């Protein structure tokens, strides 16, 4: 049997490791790759955040393993994150810059999560 849930967990772990590796290279080793520095974190933010929120709902709030986000919930979360990160944060601190391309990355990451990771737990099992 191939277990997509293991693949899903591997992708999630891979996304986290990629973000951490990028932060290490950028902040501590001062290795700069402009496109990656600008857009990798926004691209991976939504799949990581939504994946963690799905786990939270299933585990902490004792939702059953069938629970998935509705399209409406995912869209609302995308709008909230985009508004906070690209409108409010730049107004609160000069350390943040509003960038419309970040919103495009949030949207792509949201679509990746919604179509590939937002499935009931039992559907993550596939017969080989």
Protein backbone atom coordinates (compact mmCIF):
# COMPACT_ATOMS: atom_id res chain seq x y z
CA UNK A 1 0.00 0.00 0.00
CA UNK A 2 1.04 3.55 -0.67
CA UNK A 3 -0.04 5.93 2.05
CA UNK A 4 -0.68 9.42 0.76
CA UNK A 5 -0.93 10.58 4.37
CA UNK A 6 2.77 9.76 4.74
CA UNK A 7 3.46 11.66 1.53
CA UNK A 8 1.34 14.53 2.84
CA UNK A 9 3.32 14.53 6.08
CA UNK A 10 6.57 14.38 4.11
CA UNK A 11 5.51 17.35 1.98
CA UNK A 12 4.54 19.29 5.09
CA UNK A 13 7.87 18.50 6.76
CA UNK A 14 9.64 19.36 3.51
CA UNK A 15 7.91 22.74 3.33
CA UNK A 16 8.90 23.50 6.92
CA UNK A 17 12.50 22.43 6.34
CA UNK A 18 12.68 24.50 3.16
CA UNK A 19 11.47 27.62 4.97
CA UNK A 20 13.90 27.03 7.86
CA UNK A 21 16.80 26.35 5.49
CA UNK A 22 16.01 29.51 3.55
CA UNK A 23 15.88 31.58 6.73
CA UNK A 24 19.20 30.12 7.88
CA UNK A 25 20.89 30.84 4.54
CA UNK A 26 19.44 34.33 4.32
CA UNK A 27 19.85 35.53 7.91
CA UNK A 28 22.92 33.75 9.24
CA UNK A 29 25.01 32.94 6.17
CA UNK A 30 23.86 36.05 4.31
CA UNK A 31 23.38 34.13 1.07
CA UNK A 32 20.96 36.12 -1.07
CA UNK A 33 18.89 34.78 -3.96
CA UNK A 34 16.47 37.64 -4.69
CA UNK A 35 13.52 35.70 -6.17
CA UNK A 36 13.63 33.09 -3.40
CA UNK A 37 14.18 35.73 -0.72
CA UNK A 38 11.14 37.65 -1.91
CA UNK A 39 8.62 34.93 -2.72
CA UNK A 40 9.40 31.54 -1.15
CA UNK A 41 8.08 32.40 2.31
CA UNK A 42 4.81 33.92 1.05
CA UNK A 43 4.30 30.94 -1.26
CA UNK A 44 4.71 28.40 1.55
CA UNK A 45 2.98 30.41 4.28
CA UNK A 46 -0.57 29.42 3.40
CA UNK A 47 -0.04 25.66 2.94
CA UNK A 48 1.86 25.50 6.24
CA UNK A 49 -0.60 27.71 8.13
CA UNK A 50 -3.69 25.97 6.76
CA UNK A 51 -2.19 22.53 7.38
CA UNK A 52 -1.50 23.46 11.02
CA UNK A 53 -5.00 24.91 11.40
CA UNK A 54 -6.51 21.72 9.97
CA UNK A 55 -4.54 19.64 12.49
CA UNK A 56 -5.65 22.02 15.23
CA UNK A 57 -9.30 21.58 14.33
CA UNK A 58 -9.01 17.80 14.07
CA UNK A 59 -6.93 17.22 17.21
CA UNK A 60 -7.42 20.03 19.71
CA UNK A 61 -11.05 20.75 18.99
CA UNK A 62 -11.84 17.03 18.62
CA UNK A 63 -13.30 17.40 15.16
CA UNK A 64 -13.49 14.06 13.44
CA UNK A 65 -10.86 13.06 10.92
CA UNK A 66 -13.36 13.73 8.13
CA UNK A 67 -13.19 17.46 8.82
CA UNK A 68 -11.92 19.63 5.98
CA UNK A 69 -12.06 23.35 5.40
CA UNK A 70 -14.85 24.58 3.17
CA UNK A 71 -13.95 26.69 0.17
CA UNK A 72 -15.48 29.68 1.97
CA UNK A 73 -13.26 29.15 5.04
CA UNK A 74 -10.14 28.87 2.91
CA UNK A 75 -11.01 32.05 0.99
CA UNK A 76 -11.71 33.96 4.21
CA UNK A 77 -8.39 32.82 5.72
CA UNK A 78 -6.57 33.85 2.53
CA UNK A 79 -8.20 37.31 2.66
CA UNK A 80 -7.42 37.77 6.36
CA UNK A 81 -3.76 36.78 5.98
CA UNK A 82 -3.36 38.94 2.88
CA UNK A 83 -4.95 41.95 4.59
CA UNK A 84 -2.92 41.61 7.78
CA UNK A 85 0.41 40.85 6.09
CA UNK A 86 0.17 43.26 3.18
CA UNK A 87 -1.88 46.13 4.58
CA UNK A 88 -1.69 46.24 8.37
CA UNK A 89 1.89 45.08 9.02
CA UNK A 90 3.46 47.68 6.65
CA UNK A 91 1.48 50.40 8.43
CA UNK A 92 2.57 49.20 11.88
CA UNK A 93 6.26 48.76 11.11
CA UNK A 94 8.78 50.05 8.58
CA UNK A 95 10.28 46.53 8.59
CA UNK A 96 7.41 45.30 6.42
CA UNK A 97 6.76 46.15 2.78
CA UNK A 98 3.43 45.77 1.00
CA UNK A 99 3.84 43.73 -2.18
CA UNK A 100 1.03 42.64 -4.47
CA UNK A 101 3.10 39.70 -5.67
CA UNK A 102 3.04 38.33 -2.14
CA UNK A 103 -0.75 38.18 -2.40
CA UNK A 104 -0.35 36.18 -5.62
CA UNK A 105 1.97 33.81 -3.74
CA UNK A 106 -0.56 33.51 -0.89
CA UNK A 107 -3.23 32.67 -3.47
CA UNK A 108 -1.05 30.00 -5.12
CA UNK A 109 -0.19 28.49 -1.75
CA UNK A 110 -3.86 28.50 -0.76
CA UNK A 111 -4.79 26.68 -3.97
CA UNK A 112 -2.02 24.13 -3.41
CA UNK A 113 -3.36 23.43 0.07
CA UNK A 114 -7.02 23.34 -0.95
CA UNK A 115 -6.59 20.93 -3.86
CA UNK A 116 -3.85 18.66 -2.51
CA UNK A 117 -3.94 18.66 1.30
CA UNK A 118 -7.49 19.59 2.34
CA UNK A 119 -8.94 16.08 2.19
CA UNK A 120 -10.51 13.82 4.81
CA UNK A 121 -7.92 11.72 6.61
CA UNK A 122 -9.25 8.38 5.35
CA UNK A 123 -9.01 9.52 1.73
CA UNK A 124 -5.28 9.88 2.20
CA UNK A 125 -4.98 6.10 1.91
CA UNK A 126 -4.62 4.73 -1.61
CA UNK A 127 -4.42 1.09 -2.64
CA UNK A 128 -1.43 0.32 -4.85
